[in-house]
């Protein structure tokens, strides 16, 4: 099965927001790795994007991002 994962090493977080139980991590540069079925090769690239968690509760405030 093909899969895509986020490689956090080197990725750049632009903002972290929490609103009404929804946590949004915005990346100005997120490194993605695609693994394809039957292949030993992987493809790595970067793009902007957001990772959204629903029904999130925080134990402490998120760190502040760049101003």
PDB file of N, CA and C in Angstrom:
ATOM      1  N   UNK A   1       0.833  -1.167   0.000  1.00  0.00           N
ATOM      2  CA  UNK A   1       0.000   0.000   0.000  1.00  0.00           C
ATOM      3  C   UNK A   1       0.888   1.245   0.000  1.00  0.00           C
ATOM      4  N   UNK A   2       0.557   2.201  -0.843  1.00  0.00           N
ATOM      5  CA  UNK A   2       1.291   3.460  -0.884  1.00  0.00           C
ATOM      6  C   UNK A   2       0.986   4.267   0.377  1.00  0.00           C
ATOM      7  N   UNK A   3       1.984   5.015   0.857  1.00  0.00           N
ATOM      8  CA  UNK A   3       1.755   5.861   2.024  1.00  0.00           C
ATOM      9  C   UNK A   3       2.577   7.134   1.911  1.00  0.00           C
ATOM     10  N   UNK A   4       2.098   8.173   2.573  1.00  0.00           N
ATOM     11  CA  UNK A   4       2.814   9.444   2.651  1.00  0.00           C
ATOM     12  C   UNK A   4       2.924   9.793   4.128  1.00  0.00           C
ATOM     13  N   UNK A   5       4.123  10.160   4.567  1.00  0.00           N
ATOM     14  CA  UNK A   5       4.330  10.544   5.963  1.00  0.00           C
ATOM     15  C   UNK A   5       5.053  11.890   6.017  1.00  0.00           C
ATOM     16  N   UNK A   6       4.905  12.570   7.147  1.00  0.00           N
ATOM     17  CA  UNK A   6       5.575  13.853   7.360  1.00  0.00           C
ATOM     18  C   UNK A   6       6.888  13.587   8.082  1.00  0.00           C
ATOM     19  N   UNK A   7       7.978  14.116   7.525  1.00  0.00           N
ATOM     20  CA  UNK A   7       9.291  14.045   8.176  1.00  0.00           C
ATOM     21  C   UNK A   7       9.475  15.376   8.908  1.00  0.00           C
ATOM     22  N   UNK A   8       9.361  15.356  10.226  1.00  0.00           N
ATOM     23  CA  UNK A   8       9.425  16.597  10.993  1.00  0.00           C
ATOM     24  C   UNK A   8      10.809  17.224  11.005  1.00  0.00           C
ATOM     25  N   UNK A   9      11.848  16.413  10.789  1.00  0.00           N
ATOM     26  CA  UNK A   9      13.210  16.971  10.749  1.00  0.00           C
ATOM     27  C   UNK A   9      13.323  17.937   9.574  1.00  0.00           C
ATOM     28  N   UNK A  10      13.594  19.192   9.872  1.00  0.00           N
ATOM     29  CA  UNK A  10      13.750  20.193   8.819  1.00  0.00           C
ATOM     30  C   UNK A  10      12.456  20.882   8.426  1.00  0.00           C
ATOM     31  N   UNK A  11      11.312  20.351   8.843  1.00  0.00           N
ATOM     32  CA  UNK A  11      10.043  21.016   8.546  1.00  0.00           C
ATOM     33  C   UNK A  11       9.954  22.304   9.360  1.00  0.00           C
ATOM     34  N   UNK A  12       9.231  23.288   8.842  1.00  0.00           N
ATOM     35  CA  UNK A  12       9.128  24.591   9.494  1.00  0.00           C
ATOM     36  C   UNK A  12       7.675  24.871   9.875  1.00  0.00           C
ATOM     37  N   UNK A  13       7.432  25.072  11.165  1.00  0.00           N
ATOM     38  CA  UNK A  13       6.092  25.382  11.659  1.00  0.00           C
ATOM     39  C   UNK A  13       5.890  26.888  11.590  1.00  0.00           C
ATOM     40  N   UNK A  14       4.813  27.318  10.920  1.00  0.00           N
ATOM     41  CA  UNK A  14       4.516  28.738  10.787  1.00  0.00           C
ATOM     42  C   UNK A  14       3.582  29.213  11.884  1.00  0.00           C
ATOM     43  N   UNK A  15       2.665  28.337  12.342  1.00  0.00           N
ATOM     44  CA  UNK A  15       1.703  28.739  13.364  1.00  0.00           C
ATOM     45  C   UNK A  15       1.082  27.504  14.009  1.00  0.00           C
ATOM     46  N   UNK A  16       0.659  27.675  15.252  1.00  0.00           N
ATOM     47  CA  UNK A  16      -0.092  26.650  15.973  1.00  0.00           C
ATOM     48  C   UNK A  16      -1.308  27.343  16.550  1.00  0.00           C
ATOM     49  N   UNK A  17      -2.488  26.840  16.222  1.00  0.00           N
ATOM     50  CA  UNK A  17      -3.721  27.465  16.691  1.00  0.00           C
ATOM     51  C   UNK A  17      -4.644  26.410  17.282  1.00  0.00           C
ATOM     52  N   UNK A  18      -5.356  26.779  18.341  1.00  0.00           N
ATOM     53  CA  UNK A  18      -6.387  25.901  18.905  1.00  0.00           C
ATOM     54  C   UNK A  18      -7.663  26.716  19.018  1.00  0.00           C
ATOM     55  N   UNK A  19      -8.742  26.165  18.500  1.00  0.00           N
ATOM     56  CA  UNK A  19     -10.028  26.847  18.547  1.00  0.00           C
ATOM     57  C   UNK A  19     -11.142  25.816  18.549  1.00  0.00           C
ATOM     58  N   UNK A  20     -11.993  25.883  19.556  1.00  0.00           N
ATOM     59  CA  UNK A  20     -13.159  25.013  19.678  1.00  0.00           C
ATOM     60  C   UNK A  20     -12.799  23.536  19.517  1.00  0.00           C
ATOM     61  N   UNK A  21     -11.729  23.112  20.200  1.00  0.00           N
ATOM     62  CA  UNK A  21     -11.336  21.705  20.172  1.00  0.00           C
ATOM     63  C   UNK A  21     -10.625  21.265  18.915  1.00  0.00           C
ATOM     64  N   UNK A  22     -10.265  22.206  18.061  1.00  0.00           N
ATOM     65  CA  UNK A  22      -9.564  21.880  16.819  1.00  0.00           C
ATOM     66  C   UNK A  22      -8.157  22.471  16.873  1.00  0.00           C
ATOM     67  N   UNK A  23      -7.142  21.619  16.821  1.00  0.00           N
ATOM     68  CA  UNK A  23      -5.742  22.050  16.839  1.00  0.00           C
ATOM     69  C   UNK A  23      -5.223  22.046  15.403  1.00  0.00           C
ATOM     70  N   UNK A  24      -4.679  23.186  14.986  1.00  0.00           N
ATOM     71  CA  UNK A  24      -4.162  23.323  13.614  1.00  0.00           C
ATOM     72  C   UNK A  24      -2.686  23.682  13.682  1.00  0.00           C
ATOM     73  N   UNK A  25      -1.851  22.850  13.066  1.00  0.00           N
ATOM     74  CA  UNK A  25      -0.424  23.121  12.961  1.00  0.00           C
ATOM     75  C   UNK A  25      -0.165  23.477  11.502  1.00  0.00           C
ATOM     76  N   UNK A  26       0.229  24.725  11.267  1.00  0.00           N
ATOM     77  CA  UNK A  26       0.462  25.206   9.905  1.00  0.00           C
ATOM     78  C   UNK A  26       1.956  25.139   9.607  1.00  0.00           C
ATOM     79  N   UNK A  27       2.293  24.480   8.510  1.00  0.00           N
ATOM     80  CA  UNK A  27       3.687  24.349   8.084  1.00  0.00           C
ATOM     81  C   UNK A  27       3.963  25.275   6.905  1.00  0.00           C
ATOM     82  N   UNK A  28       5.018  26.073   7.011  1.00  0.00           N
ATOM     83  CA  UNK A  28       5.463  26.845   5.848  1.00  0.00           C
ATOM     84  C   UNK A  28       6.314  25.957   4.941  1.00  0.00           C
ATOM     85  N   UNK A  29       6.871  24.904   5.547  1.00  0.00           N
ATOM     86  CA  UNK A  29       7.636  23.913   4.789  1.00  0.00           C
ATOM     87  C   UNK A  29       7.518  22.584   5.549  1.00  0.00           C
ATOM     88  N   UNK A  30       6.803  21.640   4.958  1.00  0.00           N
ATOM     89  CA  UNK A  30       6.683  20.302   5.541  1.00  0.00           C
ATOM     90  C   UNK A  30       7.317  19.311   4.569  1.00  0.00           C
ATOM     91  N   UNK A  31       8.251  18.520   5.065  1.00  0.00           N
ATOM     92  CA  UNK A  31       8.876  17.500   4.222  1.00  0.00           C
ATOM     93  C   UNK A  31       8.022  16.246   4.239  1.00  0.00           C
ATOM     94  N   UNK A  32       7.667  15.772   3.064  1.00  0.00           N
ATOM     95  CA  UNK A  32       6.817  14.600   2.916  1.00  0.00           C
ATOM     96  C   UNK A  32       7.620  13.482   2.263  1.00  0.00           C
ATOM     97  N   UNK A  33       7.331  12.260   2.695  1.00  0.00           N
ATOM     98  CA  UNK A  33       8.001  11.085   2.132  1.00  0.00           C
ATOM     99  C   UNK A  33       6.926  10.132   1.634  1.00  0.00           C
ATOM    100  N   UNK A  34       7.000   9.784   0.363  1.00  0.00           N
ATOM    101  CA  UNK A  34       6.051   8.840  -0.215  1.00  0.00           C
ATOM    102  C   UNK A  34       6.749   7.508  -0.436  1.00  0.00           C
ATOM    103  N   UNK A  35       6.128   6.455   0.081  1.00  0.00           N
ATOM    104  CA  UNK A  35       6.609   5.087  -0.121  1.00  0.00           C
ATOM    105  C   UNK A  35       5.594   4.376  -0.994  1.00  0.00           C
ATOM    106  N   UNK A  36       6.073   3.727  -2.057  1.00  0.00           N
ATOM    107  CA  UNK A  36       5.178   3.070  -3.002  1.00  0.00           C
ATOM    108  C   UNK A  36       5.274   1.553  -2.892  1.00  0.00           C
ATOM    109  N   UNK A  37       4.149   0.905  -3.002  1.00  0.00           N
ATOM    110  CA  UNK A  37       4.076  -0.546  -2.912  1.00  0.00           C
ATOM    111  C   UNK A  37       5.006  -1.203  -3.918  1.00  0.00           C
ATOM    112  N   UNK A  38       5.787  -2.169  -3.463  1.00  0.00           N
ATOM    113  CA  UNK A  38       6.657  -2.926  -4.351  1.00  0.00           C
ATOM    114  C   UNK A  38       7.942  -2.213  -4.737  1.00  0.00           C
ATOM    115  N   UNK A  39       8.209  -1.074  -4.153  1.00  0.00           N
ATOM    116  CA  UNK A  39       9.410  -0.314  -4.500  1.00  0.00           C
ATOM    117  C   UNK A  39      10.241  -0.040  -3.255  1.00  0.00           C
ATOM    118  N   UNK A  40      11.554  -0.179  -3.394  1.00  0.00           N
ATOM    119  CA  UNK A  40      12.461   0.156  -2.293  1.00  0.00           C
ATOM    120  C   UNK A  40      12.732   1.656  -2.279  1.00  0.00           C
ATOM    121  N   UNK A  41      12.372   2.336  -3.358  1.00  0.00           N
ATOM    122  CA  UNK A  41      12.614   3.778  -3.484  1.00  0.00           C
ATOM    123  C   UNK A  41      11.570   4.576  -2.720  1.00  0.00           C
ATOM    124  N   UNK A  42      11.971   5.747  -2.268  1.00  0.00           N
ATOM    125  CA  UNK A  42      11.063   6.692  -1.634  1.00  0.00           C
ATOM    126  C   UNK A  42      11.243   8.044  -2.311  1.00  0.00           C
ATOM    127  N   UNK A  43      10.176   8.824  -2.334  1.00  0.00           N
ATOM    128  CA  UNK A  43      10.219  10.169  -2.888  1.00  0.00           C
ATOM    129  C   UNK A  43      10.061  11.154  -1.751  1.00  0.00           C
ATOM    130  N   UNK A  44      10.917  12.181  -1.706  1.00  0.00           N
ATOM    131  CA  UNK A  44      10.859  13.192  -0.649  1.00  0.00           C
ATOM    132  C   UNK A  44      10.751  14.567  -1.292  1.00  0.00           C
ATOM    133  N   UNK A  45       9.809  15.371  -0.799  1.00  0.00           N
ATOM    134  CA  UNK A  45       9.646  16.726  -1.284  1.00  0.00           C
ATOM    135  C   UNK A  45       9.084  17.572  -0.151  1.00  0.00           C
ATOM    136  N   UNK A  46       8.983  18.885  -0.373  1.00  0.00           N
ATOM    137  CA  UNK A  46       8.386  19.742   0.651  1.00  0.00           C
ATOM    138  C   UNK A  46       7.253  20.536   0.032  1.00  0.00           C
ATOM    139  N   UNK A  47       6.321  20.925   0.894  1.00  0.00           N
ATOM    140  CA  UNK A  47       5.220  21.787   0.477  1.00  0.00           C
ATOM    141  C   UNK A  47       4.619  22.448   1.708  1.00  0.00           C
ATOM    142  N   UNK A  48       3.850  23.519   1.485  1.00  0.00           N
ATOM    143  CA  UNK A  48       3.123  24.172   2.567  1.00  0.00           C
ATOM    144  C   UNK A  48       1.876  23.350   2.863  1.00  0.00           C
ATOM    145  N   UNK A  49       1.407  23.430   4.099  1.00  0.00           N
ATOM    146  CA  UNK A  49       0.177  22.724   4.429  1.00  0.00           C
ATOM    147  C   UNK A  49      -0.141  22.802   5.906  1.00  0.00           C
ATOM    148  N   UNK A  50      -1.274  22.233   6.268  1.00  0.00           N
ATOM    149  CA  UNK A  50      -1.731  22.227   7.651  1.00  0.00           C
ATOM    150  C   UNK A  50      -2.064  20.814   8.080  1.00  0.00           C
ATOM    151  N   UNK A  51      -1.797  20.529   9.336  1.00  0.00           N
ATOM    152  CA  UNK A  51      -2.165  19.269   9.967  1.00  0.00           C
ATOM    153  C   UNK A  51      -3.210  19.627  11.020  1.00  0.00           C
ATOM    154  N   UNK A  52      -4.402  19.022  10.917  1.00  0.00           N
ATOM    155  CA  UNK A  52      -5.510  19.393  11.786  1.00  0.00           C
ATOM    156  C   UNK A  52      -5.931  18.199  12.635  1.00  0.00           C
ATOM    157  N   UNK A  53      -6.026  18.448  13.946  1.00  0.00           N
ATOM    158  CA  UNK A  53      -6.498  17.447  14.902  1.00  0.00           C
ATOM    159  C   UNK A  53      -7.852  17.914  15.414  1.00  0.00           C
ATOM    160  N   UNK A  54      -8.854  17.055  15.386  1.00  0.00           N
ATOM    161  CA  UNK A  54     -10.160  17.411  15.920  1.00  0.00           C
ATOM    162  C   UNK A  54     -10.317  16.823  17.317  1.00  0.00           C
ATOM    163  N   UNK A  55     -11.235  17.390  18.090  1.00  0.00           N
ATOM    164  CA  UNK A  55     -11.493  16.970  19.465  1.00  0.00           C
ATOM    165  C   UNK A  55     -10.216  17.006  20.313  1.00  0.00           C
ATOM    166  N   UNK A  56      -9.406  18.043  20.101  1.00  0.00           N
ATOM    167  CA  UNK A  56      -8.128  18.176  20.806  1.00  0.00           C
ATOM    168  C   UNK A  56      -8.317  18.887  22.140  1.00  0.00           C
ATOM    169  N   UNK A  57      -7.590  18.431  23.142  1.00  0.00           N
ATOM    170  CA  UNK A  57      -7.512  19.131  24.424  1.00  0.00           C
ATOM    171  C   UNK A  57      -6.033  19.276  24.767  1.00  0.00           C
ATOM    172  N   UNK A  58      -5.666  20.437  25.241  1.00  0.00           N
ATOM    173  CA  UNK A  58      -4.267  20.709  25.551  1.00  0.00           C
ATOM    174  C   UNK A  58      -4.025  20.629  27.049  1.00  0.00           C
ATOM    175  N   UNK A  59      -2.905  20.062  27.434  1.00  0.00           N
ATOM    176  CA  UNK A  59      -2.503  20.019  28.843  1.00  0.00           C
ATOM    177  C   UNK A  59      -1.760  21.272  29.237  1.00  0.00           C
ATOM    178  N   UNK A  60      -1.189  21.965  28.231  1.00  0.00           N
ATOM    179  CA  UNK A  60      -0.503  23.242  28.458  1.00  0.00           C
ATOM    180  C   UNK A  60      -0.619  24.057  27.169  1.00  0.00           C
ATOM    181  N   UNK A  61      -0.396  25.362  27.239  1.00  0.00           N
ATOM    182  CA  UNK A  61      -0.501  26.188  26.035  1.00  0.00           C
ATOM    183  C   UNK A  61       0.523  25.766  24.985  1.00  0.00           C
ATOM    184  N   UNK A  62       0.180  25.900  23.694  1.00  0.00           N
ATOM    185  CA  UNK A  62       1.151  25.575  22.655  1.00  0.00           C
ATOM    186  C   UNK A  62       2.285  26.590  22.661  1.00  0.00           C
ATOM    187  N   UNK A  63       3.464  26.211  22.157  1.00  0.00           N
ATOM    188  CA  UNK A  63       4.572  27.176  22.088  1.00  0.00           C
ATOM    189  C   UNK A  63       4.234  28.294  21.106  1.00  0.00           C
ATOM    190  N   UNK A  64       4.797  29.465  21.357  1.00  0.00           N
ATOM    191  CA  UNK A  64       4.562  30.567  20.427  1.00  0.00           C
ATOM    192  C   UNK A  64       5.430  30.363  19.194  1.00  0.00           C
ATOM    193  N   UNK A  65       4.890  30.731  18.061  1.00  0.00           N
ATOM    194  CA  UNK A  65       5.624  30.587  16.801  1.00  0.00           C
ATOM    195  C   UNK A  65       6.298  31.890  16.438  1.00  0.00           C
ATOM    196  N   UNK A  66       6.783  31.978  15.221  1.00  0.00           N
ATOM    197  CA  UNK A  66       7.440  33.207  14.774  1.00  0.00           C
ATOM    198  C   UNK A  66       6.453  34.376  14.760  1.00  0.00           C
ATOM    199  N   UNK A  67       6.926  35.526  15.065  1.00  0.00           N
ATOM    200  CA  UNK A  67       6.064  36.721  15.107  1.00  0.00           C
ATOM    201  C   UNK A  67       6.081  37.441  13.798  1.00  0.00           C
TER     202      UNK A  67
END
